[in-house]
Amino acid sequence: MTVRVALADDHPMYRFGLRAVLDASPEVEVVGEAADGAELLALVARCAPDVVLTDLSMPKLSGAAAIDELSRRHPGIGVLVLSMHEDDASLFGALRAGARGYLLKGADREEIVRAVLTVAGGDAVYGGAVARRVAEALTGTSSRAPAFPELTNREREVLDLLAGGLRTSQVARRMALSEKTVRNHVSAVLNKLQVPDRAAAVVRAREAGLGG
């Protein structure tokens, strides 16, 4: 019996390539594609897949929000995340929402197919780097880089202060910067974290332990 899979990613060419990978496996059948979280919920209701393979950063309804909703509506479906984000906030946010697996987009075709089959069988699966993060969290040991390694130290400091509840003017005074410079750092943070606004960045930061 083949595993029925629904795909969700807002990049059409990436979906095309991912579908080609899965279609090449006789053990997998792709039953539909979605470009955002809202489409994914409708697709799952219509097609009843065994596994959902989804990105996190999507318009209208994010992958994490869609996973949370899927976990409530369809608890028997296995959700596997395939994302470019390897920060703790994205990883553990997805797992808390109900994802059963988490791979980075650098995964090869064999790893992706194997992960789909593993999740369909009811087990959890994580890519190598992600598995280390999970193990560190469970054991309380960590040799990992600071949260959001894609940010510069100055950008991370700005985000930390914003997550602590400071306004732009207060951050500027604390860091001895102009408000314009702080706003430039905030814009860079939003771009790198791929979030729509400051409030979303603060949520991600607090989930990662910043702002304390």
Foldseek 3Di string as FASTA:
>chain_A
DAFEEEEEAQDVVVVVVLVVLQVVDPRYDYPYYYNALVVVVVSCVVPVGQEYEYEAQGPPAGPLRSLLVCCVVPVRHAYEYEYQDDFPLVLVSSVVSPHQEYEYNVDDSVVVNVQSVQSSVVHGYYDDVNVVVVVCVVVVHDPDDAGPPVADPVLLLLLLQVLLPDDLVRSCVVVVHDSVVSVVSLVVQCVSVVHDDSVVSSVSQVSSPGND
